[in-house]
N, C-alpha and C. Protein backbone atom coordinates (compact mmCIF):
# COMPACT_ATOMS: atom_id res chain seq x y z
N MET A 1 67.05 114.65 46.88
CA MET A 1 67.77 114.57 45.63
C MET A 1 68.45 115.89 45.34
N GLN A 2 69.71 115.82 44.90
CA GLN A 2 70.47 117.02 44.58
C GLN A 2 70.98 116.94 43.15
N ILE A 3 71.08 118.11 42.52
CA ILE A 3 71.59 118.20 41.15
C ILE A 3 72.95 118.89 41.18
N SER A 4 73.90 118.25 40.49
CA SER A 4 75.26 118.79 40.38
C SER A 4 75.54 119.04 38.91
N ALA A 5 75.69 120.31 38.54
CA ALA A 5 75.87 120.67 37.13
C ALA A 5 77.33 120.52 36.73
N SER A 6 77.58 119.75 35.68
CA SER A 6 78.95 119.53 35.22
C SER A 6 79.39 120.66 34.29
N ILE A 7 80.37 121.43 34.74
CA ILE A 7 80.83 122.55 33.92
C ILE A 7 81.68 122.09 32.75
N LEU A 8 81.91 120.79 32.64
CA LEU A 8 82.61 120.27 31.45
C LEU A 8 81.83 120.61 30.19
N SER A 9 80.52 120.75 30.33
CA SER A 9 79.66 121.05 29.19
C SER A 9 79.29 122.53 29.10
N ALA A 10 79.83 123.35 30.00
CA ALA A 10 79.47 124.77 30.03
C ALA A 10 80.33 125.59 29.08
N ASP A 11 79.97 126.84 28.93
CA ASP A 11 80.75 127.80 28.14
C ASP A 11 81.96 128.20 28.99
N VAL A 12 83.12 127.62 28.71
CA VAL A 12 84.28 127.83 29.57
C VAL A 12 84.82 129.25 29.48
N ALA A 13 84.44 129.97 28.45
CA ALA A 13 84.87 131.36 28.34
C ALA A 13 84.09 132.28 29.27
N ASN A 14 82.99 131.77 29.84
CA ASN A 14 82.13 132.60 30.70
C ASN A 14 81.73 131.84 31.96
N LEU A 15 82.67 131.15 32.57
CA LEU A 15 82.33 130.29 33.69
C LEU A 15 81.77 131.07 34.89
N ALA A 16 82.26 132.27 35.13
CA ALA A 16 81.74 133.05 36.25
C ALA A 16 80.27 133.37 36.04
N ALA A 17 79.92 133.81 34.83
CA ALA A 17 78.53 134.15 34.53
C ALA A 17 77.65 132.89 34.55
N VAL A 18 78.17 131.80 33.99
CA VAL A 18 77.42 130.55 33.98
C VAL A 18 77.13 130.09 35.40
N THR A 19 78.15 130.14 36.24
CA THR A 19 78.00 129.71 37.63
C THR A 19 76.99 130.57 38.37
N ALA A 20 77.05 131.88 38.17
CA ALA A 20 76.10 132.79 38.82
C ALA A 20 74.68 132.49 38.38
N GLY A 21 74.49 132.22 37.09
CA GLY A 21 73.17 131.90 36.58
C GLY A 21 72.62 130.61 37.16
N LEU A 22 73.48 129.60 37.28
CA LEU A 22 73.06 128.33 37.85
C LEU A 22 72.69 128.48 39.32
N GLU A 23 73.46 129.29 40.03
CA GLU A 23 73.17 129.51 41.45
C GLU A 23 71.81 130.19 41.61
N ARG A 24 71.52 131.15 40.75
CA ARG A 24 70.21 131.83 40.81
C ARG A 24 69.08 130.87 40.44
N SER A 25 69.39 129.87 39.64
CA SER A 25 68.38 128.91 39.20
C SER A 25 68.11 127.81 40.22
N GLY A 26 68.81 127.85 41.34
CA GLY A 26 68.54 126.89 42.39
C GLY A 26 69.36 125.62 42.34
N LEU A 27 70.51 125.67 41.66
CA LEU A 27 71.38 124.51 41.59
C LEU A 27 71.92 124.16 42.97
N ASP A 28 72.13 122.85 43.22
CA ASP A 28 72.65 122.40 44.51
C ASP A 28 74.17 122.35 44.55
N MET A 29 74.79 121.86 43.49
CA MET A 29 76.23 121.64 43.47
C MET A 29 76.80 121.98 42.10
N LEU A 30 78.09 122.27 42.08
CA LEU A 30 78.81 122.45 40.83
C LEU A 30 79.79 121.29 40.69
N HIS A 31 79.65 120.53 39.61
CA HIS A 31 80.49 119.35 39.38
C HIS A 31 81.70 119.75 38.54
N PHE A 32 82.88 119.48 39.08
CA PHE A 32 84.12 119.95 38.51
C PHE A 32 84.96 118.74 38.11
N ASP A 33 85.02 118.44 36.81
CA ASP A 33 85.74 117.26 36.31
C ASP A 33 87.21 117.59 36.08
N VAL A 34 88.07 116.86 36.78
CA VAL A 34 89.52 117.05 36.64
C VAL A 34 90.10 115.85 35.90
N MET A 35 90.70 116.12 34.74
CA MET A 35 91.29 115.06 33.92
C MET A 35 92.74 115.41 33.61
N ASP A 36 93.62 114.42 33.71
CA ASP A 36 95.05 114.68 33.59
C ASP A 36 95.70 114.21 32.30
N GLY A 37 94.89 113.65 31.36
CA GLY A 37 95.47 113.17 30.11
C GLY A 37 96.20 111.84 30.25
N GLN A 38 96.20 111.27 31.46
CA GLN A 38 96.85 109.97 31.70
C GLN A 38 95.83 108.92 32.13
N PHE A 39 95.08 109.23 33.18
CA PHE A 39 94.05 108.30 33.62
C PHE A 39 92.93 108.20 32.59
N VAL A 40 92.62 109.34 31.97
CA VAL A 40 91.67 109.40 30.85
C VAL A 40 92.33 110.20 29.72
N PRO A 41 91.92 109.97 28.48
CA PRO A 41 92.58 110.64 27.35
C PRO A 41 92.06 112.05 27.08
N ASN A 42 92.02 112.87 28.12
CA ASN A 42 91.56 114.24 27.97
C ASN A 42 92.18 115.06 29.10
N ILE A 43 92.31 116.36 28.90
CA ILE A 43 92.83 117.26 29.92
C ILE A 43 91.82 118.38 30.09
N THR A 44 91.48 118.67 31.35
CA THR A 44 90.46 119.70 31.58
C THR A 44 90.98 120.77 32.54
N PHE A 45 90.46 120.77 33.77
CA PHE A 45 90.71 121.87 34.70
C PHE A 45 91.64 121.44 35.83
N GLY A 46 92.26 122.43 36.46
CA GLY A 46 93.10 122.18 37.62
C GLY A 46 92.75 123.07 38.78
N MET A 47 93.65 123.12 39.77
CA MET A 47 93.39 123.88 41.00
C MET A 47 93.15 125.37 40.76
N PRO A 48 93.90 126.05 39.90
CA PRO A 48 93.66 127.49 39.73
C PRO A 48 92.26 127.83 39.23
N VAL A 49 91.75 127.02 38.30
CA VAL A 49 90.40 127.26 37.79
C VAL A 49 89.37 127.01 38.90
N LEU A 50 89.56 125.93 39.64
CA LEU A 50 88.65 125.64 40.75
C LEU A 50 88.64 126.79 41.76
N ALA A 51 89.82 127.27 42.13
CA ALA A 51 89.91 128.36 43.11
C ALA A 51 89.24 129.63 42.59
N ALA A 52 89.40 129.90 41.30
CA ALA A 52 88.78 131.10 40.72
C ALA A 52 87.26 131.00 40.75
N ILE A 53 86.73 129.83 40.40
CA ILE A 53 85.27 129.65 40.42
C ILE A 53 84.74 129.70 41.85
N ASP A 54 85.48 129.10 42.77
CA ASP A 54 85.04 129.09 44.16
C ASP A 54 84.91 130.50 44.73
N GLN A 55 85.70 131.42 44.21
CA GLN A 55 85.62 132.81 44.66
C GLN A 55 84.36 133.51 44.14
N CYS A 56 83.73 132.92 43.12
CA CYS A 56 82.58 133.56 42.47
C CYS A 56 81.24 133.01 42.94
N THR A 57 81.26 131.99 43.81
CA THR A 57 80.00 131.33 44.12
C THR A 57 80.00 130.77 45.53
N ASN A 58 78.80 130.56 46.07
CA ASN A 58 78.63 129.86 47.34
C ASN A 58 78.18 128.43 47.13
N LEU A 59 78.13 128.00 45.88
CA LEU A 59 77.70 126.63 45.59
C LEU A 59 78.66 125.60 46.18
N PHE A 60 78.12 124.46 46.53
CA PHE A 60 78.91 123.31 46.98
C PHE A 60 79.75 122.82 45.80
N MET A 61 81.06 122.65 46.02
CA MET A 61 81.97 122.27 44.94
C MET A 61 82.22 120.77 44.99
N ASP A 62 81.70 120.09 43.99
CA ASP A 62 81.73 118.64 43.85
C ASP A 62 82.84 118.30 42.84
N VAL A 63 84.01 117.89 43.35
CA VAL A 63 85.20 117.73 42.51
C VAL A 63 85.47 116.25 42.24
N HIS A 64 85.46 115.90 40.97
CA HIS A 64 85.64 114.52 40.51
C HIS A 64 87.03 114.39 39.88
N LEU A 65 87.93 113.66 40.56
CA LEU A 65 89.29 113.51 40.09
C LEU A 65 89.42 112.29 39.19
N MET A 66 89.58 112.53 37.92
CA MET A 66 89.89 111.47 36.95
C MET A 66 91.37 111.57 36.62
N ILE A 67 92.17 111.28 37.63
CA ILE A 67 93.61 111.44 37.51
C ILE A 67 94.33 110.19 38.01
N LYS A 68 95.56 110.05 37.60
CA LYS A 68 96.34 108.84 37.89
C LYS A 68 96.68 108.71 39.37
N ASP A 69 97.00 109.83 40.02
CA ASP A 69 97.47 109.79 41.41
C ASP A 69 96.70 110.80 42.27
N PRO A 70 95.44 110.49 42.61
CA PRO A 70 94.63 111.46 43.38
C PRO A 70 95.19 111.75 44.77
N LEU A 71 95.87 110.80 45.39
CA LEU A 71 96.42 111.03 46.72
C LEU A 71 97.39 112.21 46.71
N ARG A 72 98.16 112.34 45.67
CA ARG A 72 99.16 113.39 45.57
C ARG A 72 98.53 114.79 45.57
N TYR A 73 97.32 114.90 45.02
CA TYR A 73 96.72 116.22 44.81
C TYR A 73 95.49 116.49 45.65
N ALA A 74 95.02 115.51 46.42
CA ALA A 74 93.75 115.65 47.14
C ALA A 74 93.72 116.88 48.04
N GLU A 75 94.74 117.06 48.86
CA GLU A 75 94.76 118.19 49.78
C GLU A 75 94.75 119.52 49.03
N GLN A 76 95.47 119.60 47.91
CA GLN A 76 95.52 120.84 47.15
C GLN A 76 94.15 121.21 46.59
N PHE A 77 93.39 120.21 46.14
CA PHE A 77 92.06 120.50 45.62
C PHE A 77 91.11 120.96 46.72
N VAL A 78 91.25 120.41 47.92
CA VAL A 78 90.42 120.87 49.04
C VAL A 78 90.77 122.32 49.36
N LYS A 79 92.05 122.63 49.40
CA LYS A 79 92.46 124.01 49.68
C LYS A 79 91.98 124.98 48.60
N ALA A 80 91.83 124.46 47.37
CA ALA A 80 91.36 125.31 46.26
C ALA A 80 89.87 125.53 46.29
N GLY A 81 89.14 124.78 47.15
CA GLY A 81 87.71 125.02 47.27
C GLY A 81 86.81 123.81 47.23
N ALA A 82 87.36 122.61 47.05
CA ALA A 82 86.52 121.42 46.97
C ALA A 82 85.83 121.14 48.30
N ASP A 83 84.52 120.90 48.25
CA ASP A 83 83.76 120.48 49.43
C ASP A 83 83.61 118.96 49.46
N LEU A 84 83.61 118.36 48.30
CA LEU A 84 83.58 116.90 48.14
C LEU A 84 84.62 116.53 47.09
N VAL A 85 85.45 115.55 47.40
CA VAL A 85 86.42 115.05 46.42
C VAL A 85 86.14 113.58 46.19
N THR A 86 85.84 113.23 44.95
CA THR A 86 85.66 111.83 44.58
C THR A 86 86.81 111.41 43.68
N PHE A 87 87.26 110.17 43.84
CA PHE A 87 88.38 109.66 43.04
C PHE A 87 88.09 108.22 42.64
N HIS A 88 88.77 107.77 41.62
CA HIS A 88 88.52 106.44 41.06
C HIS A 88 89.27 105.35 41.81
N LEU A 89 88.56 104.28 42.11
CA LEU A 89 89.22 103.12 42.69
C LEU A 89 90.20 102.49 41.71
N GLU A 90 90.04 102.79 40.42
CA GLU A 90 90.94 102.24 39.41
C GLU A 90 92.24 103.03 39.28
N SER A 91 92.38 104.11 40.04
CA SER A 91 93.60 104.92 39.98
C SER A 91 94.75 104.20 40.68
N ASP A 92 95.93 104.83 40.65
CA ASP A 92 97.12 104.21 41.24
C ASP A 92 97.24 104.43 42.75
N SER A 93 96.46 105.33 43.31
CA SER A 93 96.58 105.68 44.72
C SER A 93 95.91 104.64 45.62
N ASP A 94 96.46 104.49 46.81
CA ASP A 94 95.85 103.62 47.80
C ASP A 94 94.52 104.24 48.26
N PRO A 95 93.40 103.52 48.14
CA PRO A 95 92.09 104.11 48.45
C PRO A 95 91.96 104.59 49.90
N VAL A 96 92.43 103.80 50.85
CA VAL A 96 92.28 104.17 52.25
C VAL A 96 93.07 105.44 52.55
N GLN A 97 94.31 105.50 52.08
CA GLN A 97 95.13 106.68 52.31
C GLN A 97 94.51 107.92 51.65
N THR A 98 93.93 107.73 50.46
CA THR A 98 93.34 108.86 49.75
C THR A 98 92.10 109.37 50.47
N ILE A 99 91.26 108.48 50.92
CA ILE A 99 90.07 108.88 51.69
C ILE A 99 90.49 109.62 52.96
N GLU A 100 91.47 109.08 53.65
CA GLU A 100 91.94 109.72 54.88
C GLU A 100 92.52 111.10 54.60
N ALA A 101 93.24 111.26 53.50
CA ALA A 101 93.83 112.56 53.15
C ALA A 101 92.76 113.60 52.85
N ILE A 102 91.71 113.17 52.17
CA ILE A 102 90.60 114.09 51.85
C ILE A 102 89.91 114.54 53.12
N HIS A 103 89.62 113.59 54.00
CA HIS A 103 88.96 113.93 55.27
C HIS A 103 89.85 114.83 56.12
N LYS A 104 91.12 114.51 56.19
CA LYS A 104 92.05 115.32 56.99
C LYS A 104 92.11 116.76 56.49
N ALA A 105 91.98 116.92 55.17
CA ALA A 105 92.02 118.26 54.58
C ALA A 105 90.74 119.04 54.83
N GLY A 106 89.67 118.33 55.24
CA GLY A 106 88.45 119.02 55.63
C GLY A 106 87.28 118.89 54.67
N ALA A 107 87.34 117.93 53.73
CA ALA A 107 86.26 117.75 52.75
C ALA A 107 85.61 116.37 52.91
N LYS A 108 84.46 116.22 52.31
CA LYS A 108 83.84 114.91 52.20
C LYS A 108 84.59 114.09 51.14
N ALA A 109 84.56 112.77 51.28
CA ALA A 109 85.28 111.90 50.36
C ALA A 109 84.33 110.92 49.69
N GLY A 110 84.63 110.63 48.43
CA GLY A 110 83.83 109.67 47.69
C GLY A 110 84.68 108.83 46.77
N ILE A 111 84.20 107.64 46.46
CA ILE A 111 84.88 106.76 45.52
C ILE A 111 84.05 106.66 44.25
N VAL A 112 84.74 106.44 43.14
CA VAL A 112 84.10 106.40 41.82
C VAL A 112 84.34 105.05 41.17
N LEU A 113 83.31 104.54 40.49
CA LEU A 113 83.40 103.27 39.79
C LEU A 113 83.15 103.47 38.31
N LYS A 114 84.11 103.06 37.48
CA LYS A 114 83.90 103.04 36.03
C LYS A 114 82.84 102.01 35.68
N PRO A 115 82.26 102.10 34.48
CA PRO A 115 81.24 101.11 34.08
C PRO A 115 81.71 99.67 34.17
N GLY A 116 82.98 99.41 33.88
CA GLY A 116 83.47 98.04 33.88
C GLY A 116 83.90 97.53 35.24
N THR A 117 83.82 98.36 36.27
CA THR A 117 84.22 97.96 37.63
C THR A 117 83.01 97.51 38.42
N SER A 118 83.08 96.33 39.02
CA SER A 118 81.94 95.79 39.75
C SER A 118 81.67 96.61 41.01
N TRP A 119 80.43 96.65 41.43
CA TRP A 119 80.08 97.41 42.64
C TRP A 119 80.73 96.79 43.86
N GLU A 120 80.97 95.49 43.84
CA GLU A 120 81.57 94.82 44.99
C GLU A 120 82.97 95.33 45.30
N THR A 121 83.64 95.89 44.30
CA THR A 121 84.98 96.44 44.51
C THR A 121 84.96 97.55 45.56
N ALA A 122 83.82 98.22 45.71
CA ALA A 122 83.70 99.33 46.64
C ALA A 122 83.47 98.90 48.09
N ILE A 123 83.09 97.66 48.31
CA ILE A 123 82.65 97.22 49.64
C ILE A 123 83.65 97.55 50.76
N PRO A 124 84.96 97.31 50.57
CA PRO A 124 85.89 97.58 51.69
C PRO A 124 85.94 99.04 52.13
N TYR A 125 85.41 99.95 51.32
CA TYR A 125 85.54 101.38 51.60
C TYR A 125 84.21 102.07 51.90
N LEU A 126 83.12 101.34 51.84
CA LEU A 126 81.80 101.96 51.95
C LEU A 126 81.52 102.55 53.33
N GLU A 127 82.15 102.02 54.36
CA GLU A 127 81.95 102.58 55.70
C GLU A 127 82.76 103.86 55.90
N MET A 128 83.68 104.16 54.98
CA MET A 128 84.60 105.29 55.15
C MET A 128 84.17 106.54 54.40
N VAL A 129 83.28 106.38 53.40
CA VAL A 129 83.02 107.49 52.48
C VAL A 129 81.61 108.06 52.65
N GLU A 130 81.45 109.28 52.18
CA GLU A 130 80.15 109.93 52.18
C GLU A 130 79.39 109.73 50.87
N VAL A 131 80.13 109.42 49.79
CA VAL A 131 79.52 109.34 48.46
C VAL A 131 80.15 108.19 47.68
N VAL A 132 79.30 107.50 46.90
CA VAL A 132 79.78 106.56 45.88
C VAL A 132 79.26 107.06 44.54
N LEU A 133 80.17 107.36 43.64
CA LEU A 133 79.81 107.88 42.32
C LEU A 133 79.85 106.75 41.30
N VAL A 134 78.71 106.49 40.69
CA VAL A 134 78.60 105.47 39.65
C VAL A 134 78.65 106.15 38.29
N MET A 135 79.64 105.79 37.49
CA MET A 135 79.74 106.33 36.14
C MET A 135 78.81 105.54 35.22
N THR A 136 77.92 106.26 34.57
CA THR A 136 76.99 105.62 33.64
C THR A 136 77.38 105.90 32.18
N VAL A 137 78.60 106.42 32.02
CA VAL A 137 79.29 106.50 30.73
C VAL A 137 80.76 106.23 31.02
N GLU A 138 81.56 106.02 29.98
CA GLU A 138 82.99 105.89 30.20
C GLU A 138 83.58 107.27 30.51
N PRO A 139 84.37 107.40 31.56
CA PRO A 139 84.90 108.70 31.93
C PRO A 139 85.87 109.26 30.89
N GLY A 140 85.86 110.59 30.74
CA GLY A 140 86.82 111.24 29.87
C GLY A 140 86.25 112.31 28.97
N PHE A 141 84.98 112.16 28.56
CA PHE A 141 84.37 113.13 27.66
C PHE A 141 82.90 113.29 27.98
N GLY A 142 82.37 114.49 27.77
CA GLY A 142 80.95 114.74 27.98
C GLY A 142 80.14 114.35 26.76
N GLY A 143 78.82 114.34 26.92
CA GLY A 143 77.93 114.12 25.80
C GLY A 143 77.73 112.69 25.37
N GLN A 144 78.12 111.72 26.21
CA GLN A 144 77.96 110.31 25.85
C GLN A 144 76.56 109.80 26.21
N SER A 145 76.21 108.66 25.61
CA SER A 145 74.91 108.05 25.86
C SER A 145 74.93 107.24 27.15
N PHE A 146 73.83 107.24 27.84
CA PHE A 146 73.65 106.54 29.11
C PHE A 146 73.76 105.02 28.91
N LEU A 147 74.50 104.36 29.81
CA LEU A 147 74.64 102.90 29.77
C LEU A 147 73.63 102.30 30.74
N TRP A 148 72.57 101.74 30.19
CA TRP A 148 71.44 101.29 31.01
C TRP A 148 71.79 100.15 31.95
N ASP A 149 72.81 99.36 31.63
CA ASP A 149 73.21 98.26 32.52
C ASP A 149 73.67 98.76 33.88
N MET A 150 74.06 100.02 33.97
CA MET A 150 74.57 100.56 35.23
C MET A 150 73.48 100.74 36.28
N VAL A 151 72.22 100.70 35.87
CA VAL A 151 71.12 100.83 36.82
C VAL A 151 71.19 99.73 37.87
N LYS A 152 71.57 98.53 37.45
CA LYS A 152 71.68 97.41 38.39
C LYS A 152 72.76 97.66 39.43
N LYS A 153 73.83 98.35 39.04
CA LYS A 153 74.90 98.67 39.98
C LYS A 153 74.39 99.66 41.04
N ILE A 154 73.61 100.63 40.61
CA ILE A 154 73.03 101.59 41.55
C ILE A 154 72.12 100.87 42.53
N GLU A 155 71.29 99.99 42.02
CA GLU A 155 70.37 99.23 42.88
C GLU A 155 71.14 98.39 43.90
N ALA A 156 72.22 97.76 43.45
CA ALA A 156 73.00 96.91 44.35
C ALA A 156 73.64 97.73 45.47
N LEU A 157 74.16 98.89 45.13
CA LEU A 157 74.77 99.76 46.15
C LEU A 157 73.74 100.29 47.13
N ARG A 158 72.56 100.63 46.65
CA ARG A 158 71.50 101.09 47.55
C ARG A 158 71.05 99.97 48.48
N ASN A 159 70.86 98.76 47.94
CA ASN A 159 70.45 97.63 48.77
C ASN A 159 71.50 97.30 49.83
N TYR A 160 72.77 97.40 49.45
CA TYR A 160 73.85 97.12 50.40
C TYR A 160 73.81 98.13 51.54
N ALA A 161 73.59 99.39 51.21
CA ALA A 161 73.52 100.42 52.24
C ALA A 161 72.36 100.16 53.20
N LEU A 162 71.23 99.75 52.67
CA LEU A 162 70.07 99.48 53.51
C LEU A 162 70.31 98.28 54.43
N VAL A 163 70.87 97.21 53.88
CA VAL A 163 71.11 95.99 54.66
C VAL A 163 72.13 96.24 55.76
N HIS A 164 73.17 97.01 55.45
CA HIS A 164 74.27 97.22 56.41
C HIS A 164 74.16 98.54 57.16
N GLN A 165 73.05 99.24 56.96
CA GLN A 165 72.77 100.50 57.67
C GLN A 165 73.90 101.52 57.48
N LEU A 166 74.28 101.71 56.23
CA LEU A 166 75.29 102.70 55.88
C LEU A 166 74.60 103.91 55.25
N ASP A 167 75.20 105.08 55.38
CA ASP A 167 74.51 106.29 54.94
C ASP A 167 75.23 107.03 53.82
N TYR A 168 76.05 106.34 53.04
CA TYR A 168 76.65 107.01 51.89
C TYR A 168 75.58 107.36 50.86
N GLN A 169 75.80 108.48 50.16
CA GLN A 169 74.91 108.86 49.07
C GLN A 169 75.42 108.28 47.76
N ILE A 170 74.51 107.97 46.87
CA ILE A 170 74.89 107.47 45.55
C ILE A 170 74.74 108.60 44.54
N GLU A 171 75.84 108.89 43.88
CA GLU A 171 75.88 109.92 42.84
C GLU A 171 75.99 109.22 41.49
N VAL A 172 75.35 109.77 40.48
CA VAL A 172 75.37 109.18 39.15
C VAL A 172 75.82 110.23 38.14
N ASP A 173 76.74 109.84 37.28
CA ASP A 173 77.33 110.78 36.33
C ASP A 173 77.39 110.15 34.95
N GLY A 174 76.70 110.80 33.98
CA GLY A 174 76.81 110.36 32.60
C GLY A 174 75.47 110.13 31.93
N GLY A 175 75.14 110.95 30.95
CA GLY A 175 73.92 110.74 30.18
C GLY A 175 72.63 111.00 30.93
N ILE A 176 72.68 111.82 31.98
CA ILE A 176 71.47 112.08 32.77
C ILE A 176 70.63 113.16 32.07
N ASN A 177 69.36 112.83 31.88
CA ASN A 177 68.42 113.76 31.25
C ASN A 177 67.02 113.46 31.78
N ALA A 178 66.01 114.05 31.16
CA ALA A 178 64.63 113.86 31.64
C ALA A 178 64.18 112.41 31.52
N GLU A 179 64.77 111.65 30.60
CA GLU A 179 64.40 110.24 30.43
C GLU A 179 65.12 109.33 31.42
N THR A 180 66.41 109.56 31.61
CA THR A 180 67.19 108.65 32.46
C THR A 180 67.11 108.99 33.94
N ALA A 181 66.88 110.26 34.28
CA ALA A 181 66.85 110.66 35.68
C ALA A 181 65.84 109.87 36.51
N PRO A 182 64.58 109.71 36.06
CA PRO A 182 63.63 108.95 36.88
C PRO A 182 64.07 107.52 37.16
N ARG A 183 64.75 106.93 36.18
CA ARG A 183 65.17 105.53 36.36
C ARG A 183 66.26 105.40 37.41
N VAL A 184 67.24 106.31 37.39
CA VAL A 184 68.31 106.20 38.38
C VAL A 184 67.82 106.63 39.77
N LEU A 185 66.87 107.56 39.81
CA LEU A 185 66.28 107.94 41.09
C LEU A 185 65.54 106.76 41.71
N ARG A 186 64.80 106.06 40.89
CA ARG A 186 64.06 104.89 41.37
C ARG A 186 65.01 103.80 41.86
N ALA A 187 66.19 103.72 41.23
CA ALA A 187 67.18 102.72 41.61
C ALA A 187 67.88 103.06 42.92
N GLY A 188 67.83 104.34 43.31
CA GLY A 188 68.43 104.72 44.58
C GLY A 188 69.42 105.85 44.53
N ALA A 189 69.60 106.49 43.38
CA ALA A 189 70.52 107.63 43.27
C ALA A 189 69.98 108.83 44.02
N GLU A 190 70.88 109.62 44.58
CA GLU A 190 70.48 110.81 45.34
C GLU A 190 71.14 112.09 44.82
N ILE A 191 72.24 111.95 44.09
CA ILE A 191 72.90 113.11 43.48
C ILE A 191 73.02 112.83 41.99
N LEU A 192 72.48 113.72 41.18
CA LEU A 192 72.52 113.55 39.73
C LEU A 192 73.45 114.59 39.12
N VAL A 193 74.48 114.12 38.43
CA VAL A 193 75.36 115.02 37.69
C VAL A 193 74.77 115.21 36.31
N ILE A 194 74.48 116.45 35.96
CA ILE A 194 73.86 116.74 34.66
C ILE A 194 74.73 117.75 33.92
N GLY A 195 75.12 117.39 32.71
CA GLY A 195 75.99 118.26 31.93
C GLY A 195 75.35 118.73 30.65
N SER A 196 75.57 117.98 29.58
CA SER A 196 75.12 118.39 28.25
C SER A 196 73.64 118.71 28.21
N TYR A 197 72.81 117.87 28.83
CA TYR A 197 71.36 118.08 28.80
C TYR A 197 70.98 119.41 29.42
N LEU A 198 71.58 119.72 30.58
CA LEU A 198 71.23 120.95 31.29
C LEU A 198 71.63 122.19 30.51
N PHE A 199 72.82 122.16 29.92
CA PHE A 199 73.32 123.36 29.24
C PHE A 199 72.72 123.55 27.85
N ARG A 200 71.97 122.58 27.38
CA ARG A 200 71.24 122.75 26.12
C ARG A 200 69.88 123.41 26.34
N GLN A 201 69.45 123.49 27.59
CA GLN A 201 68.11 123.98 27.89
C GLN A 201 68.05 125.51 27.84
N ALA A 202 66.99 126.03 27.26
CA ALA A 202 66.78 127.48 27.28
C ALA A 202 66.49 127.97 28.69
N ASP A 203 65.88 127.10 29.50
CA ASP A 203 65.52 127.44 30.88
C ASP A 203 66.04 126.34 31.81
N PRO A 204 67.28 126.44 32.28
CA PRO A 204 67.84 125.40 33.16
C PRO A 204 67.01 125.18 34.42
N ARG A 205 66.45 126.26 34.99
CA ARG A 205 65.64 126.11 36.20
C ARG A 205 64.44 125.19 35.94
N ALA A 206 63.77 125.39 34.81
CA ALA A 206 62.61 124.55 34.49
C ALA A 206 63.02 123.10 34.32
N ALA A 207 64.17 122.87 33.69
CA ALA A 207 64.65 121.50 33.50
C ALA A 207 64.95 120.83 34.83
N MET A 208 65.59 121.58 35.75
CA MET A 208 65.88 121.02 37.06
C MET A 208 64.61 120.80 37.87
N ASP A 209 63.67 121.72 37.76
CA ASP A 209 62.41 121.58 38.49
C ASP A 209 61.64 120.35 38.02
N GLU A 210 61.71 120.06 36.73
CA GLU A 210 61.03 118.88 36.19
C GLU A 210 61.60 117.60 36.80
N ILE A 211 62.92 117.54 36.90
CA ILE A 211 63.55 116.36 37.47
C ILE A 211 63.28 116.27 38.98
N ARG A 212 63.29 117.41 39.65
CA ARG A 212 62.99 117.41 41.09
C ARG A 212 61.54 116.98 41.35
N ALA A 213 60.64 117.39 40.47
CA ALA A 213 59.23 116.98 40.62
C ALA A 213 59.10 115.47 40.50
N GLU A 214 59.89 114.88 39.61
CA GLU A 214 59.89 113.43 39.46
C GLU A 214 60.40 112.77 40.73
N ALA A 215 61.43 113.36 41.35
CA ALA A 215 61.98 112.82 42.59
C ALA A 215 60.94 112.88 43.71
N ILE A 216 60.19 113.97 43.79
CA ILE A 216 59.15 114.10 44.81
C ILE A 216 58.05 113.07 44.58
N LYS A 217 57.70 112.87 43.32
CA LYS A 217 56.68 111.88 42.97
C LYS A 217 57.12 110.48 43.40
N LEU A 218 58.36 110.13 43.13
CA LEU A 218 58.87 108.81 43.52
C LEU A 218 58.91 108.66 45.03
N HIS A 219 59.29 109.74 45.73
CA HIS A 219 59.31 109.70 47.18
C HIS A 219 57.91 109.47 47.74
N ASP A 220 56.93 110.19 47.20
CA ASP A 220 55.56 110.06 47.68
C ASP A 220 55.00 108.66 47.42
N GLU A 221 55.37 108.09 46.28
CA GLU A 221 54.92 106.73 45.96
C GLU A 221 55.53 105.72 46.93
N THR A 222 56.81 105.95 47.28
CA THR A 222 57.53 105.02 48.16
C THR A 222 56.95 105.03 49.57
N TYR A 223 56.59 106.23 50.04
CA TYR A 223 56.17 106.34 51.44
C TYR A 223 54.67 106.55 51.61
N ALA A 224 53.92 106.32 50.54
CA ALA A 224 52.46 106.48 50.62
C ALA A 224 51.87 105.43 51.57
């Protein structure tokens, strides 16, 4: 299990210091939400900010494109430092071409599903990607409440991977905290995006360790 901290909820005036602190705390990935004001009604970060942060850290850069035309910008985000680029199947770009462009640029590729998009929509692309990101809130803003119905989508994607012997990882983004993390881990999630909950903690390392301990407990129960 890996934790990806969403800097959408961080102190944007001190991103270098925040990133350094998270790296010292044992964070696995930095989750970078890109919003263009068209695909979602919010505007956040672009390539220059990503490149600047990438210069300050050795953390794995997990870049989530919530934009209208991810194919147009995929290569640029990889060049700016993205190690993984995930994009929405609901965007205007052709999914196969976008996945191929991300891979050609040298990064891992993932597809993202909004809460209202069925998991079956992802089936044609599951053999091509390294990650499937399940949104457990509506994309566009941080601090939303977890949508519990999405647990079934995570379970379905995990079962499909097992039946068809596919090795994509399931990432979950939205409303992840000490209460919801165990449930999505049990359902089959392997990468947890944590934003508001993590940045509210006085001790982020302790918060992450608590969730990791739960993951170890679930693993031991599964393979006992």
